[in-house]
């Protein structure tokens, strides 16, 4: 199986320029992993967390975003408040996560 073309060669082809000559690939076992050793701040904030998502109307999304801006909080904080309210309504312990 041949490797996928690089973004640089694809952009060059789209622009009509000759694609750059790729460097010879190292053997698979000698190649370093493509993993960044330093975690980004976003990854650290998400560590141990799971995304909960849903699909809503554009009007709902707009209203939530506007409320978040008006209150100076994130949409995630508003969603956390809402989920805490649902948990309280059903006699469950809220987590207070934001």
Protein backbone atom coordinates (compact mmCIF):
# COMPACT_ATOMS: atom_id res chain seq x y z
CA UNK A 1 0.00 0.00 0.00
CA UNK A 2 1.51 3.33 -1.00
CA UNK A 3 1.55 6.23 1.48
CA UNK A 4 -0.95 9.04 1.09
CA UNK A 5 0.36 12.16 -0.67
CA UNK A 6 1.48 14.94 1.63
CA UNK A 7 -0.55 18.10 2.07
CA UNK A 8 2.29 20.09 0.49
CA UNK A 9 2.22 17.99 -2.67
CA UNK A 10 -1.58 18.14 -2.86
CA UNK A 11 -1.56 21.94 -2.48
CA UNK A 12 1.20 22.25 -5.07
CA UNK A 13 -0.78 20.09 -7.49
CA UNK A 14 -3.91 22.21 -6.94
CA UNK A 15 -1.90 25.37 -7.61
CA UNK A 16 -0.39 23.88 -10.77
CA UNK A 17 3.14 23.90 -9.39
CA UNK A 18 5.33 20.79 -9.48
CA UNK A 19 5.05 18.80 -6.27
CA UNK A 20 8.05 18.78 -3.94
CA UNK A 21 10.19 15.68 -3.98
CA UNK A 22 9.48 13.69 -0.81
CA UNK A 23 12.34 12.58 1.38
CA UNK A 24 12.96 8.84 1.39
CA UNK A 25 10.96 7.16 4.13
CA UNK A 26 12.76 5.41 6.95
CA UNK A 27 11.98 1.77 7.57
CA UNK A 28 8.75 1.34 9.55
CA UNK A 29 10.42 -0.03 12.68
CA UNK A 30 13.00 2.80 12.79
CA UNK A 31 10.45 5.58 12.24
CA UNK A 32 9.63 7.65 15.31
CA UNK A 33 5.97 7.77 16.29
CA UNK A 34 4.01 10.82 15.13
CA UNK A 35 2.85 11.53 18.68
CA UNK A 36 3.57 14.88 20.30
CA UNK A 37 5.08 14.19 23.72
CA UNK A 38 3.84 17.46 25.25
CA UNK A 39 0.09 17.43 25.85
CA UNK A 40 -1.76 20.54 24.77
CA UNK A 41 -3.72 22.57 27.36
CA UNK A 42 -6.96 21.44 25.73
CA UNK A 43 -6.02 17.79 26.01
CA UNK A 44 -5.10 18.25 29.67
CA UNK A 45 -8.44 19.92 30.41
CA UNK A 46 -10.27 17.03 28.75
CA UNK A 47 -8.27 14.28 30.42
CA UNK A 48 -10.61 11.89 32.21
CA UNK A 49 -13.71 13.56 30.73
CA UNK A 50 -16.32 12.28 28.28
CA UNK A 51 -18.21 14.42 25.79
CA UNK A 52 -22.00 14.51 26.06
CA UNK A 53 -23.56 16.03 22.96
CA UNK A 54 -26.89 16.50 21.25
CA UNK A 55 -28.42 18.05 18.16
CA UNK A 56 -30.62 21.10 18.63
CA UNK A 57 -32.21 23.74 16.42
CA UNK A 58 -30.21 26.73 15.22
CA UNK A 59 -32.44 28.95 17.34
CA UNK A 60 -31.61 26.96 20.49
CA UNK A 61 -27.88 27.06 19.71
CA UNK A 62 -28.01 30.81 19.08
CA UNK A 63 -29.96 31.45 22.30
CA UNK A 64 -27.50 29.41 24.39
CA UNK A 65 -24.49 31.12 22.83
CA UNK A 66 -26.01 34.57 23.41
CA UNK A 67 -26.84 33.73 27.03
CA UNK A 68 -23.28 32.50 27.56
CA UNK A 69 -21.89 35.77 26.19
CA UNK A 70 -24.32 37.87 28.26
CA UNK A 71 -23.37 36.01 31.44
CA UNK A 72 -19.66 35.88 30.61
CA UNK A 73 -19.45 32.10 30.83
CA UNK A 74 -18.85 29.28 28.37
CA UNK A 75 -21.53 27.25 26.64
CA UNK A 76 -20.06 24.25 28.46
CA UNK A 77 -20.72 25.98 31.80
CA UNK A 78 -24.36 26.56 30.82
CA UNK A 79 -24.74 22.94 29.77
CA UNK A 80 -23.22 21.88 33.11
CA UNK A 81 -25.74 24.06 34.96
CA UNK A 82 -28.57 22.50 32.99
CA UNK A 83 -27.40 18.96 33.65
CA UNK A 84 -26.99 19.75 37.36
CA UNK A 85 -30.57 21.07 37.41
CA UNK A 86 -31.84 17.86 35.79
CA UNK A 87 -29.93 15.75 38.31
CA UNK A 88 -31.37 17.77 41.23
CA UNK A 89 -34.88 17.46 39.76
CA UNK A 90 -34.48 13.67 39.85
CA UNK A 91 -33.02 13.62 43.38
CA UNK A 92 -29.49 12.90 42.17
CA UNK A 93 -26.31 14.55 43.40
CA UNK A 94 -25.16 17.33 41.02
CA UNK A 95 -21.50 17.28 40.04
CA UNK A 96 -21.00 21.02 39.55
CA UNK A 97 -18.63 20.46 36.64
CA UNK A 98 -17.94 23.37 34.32
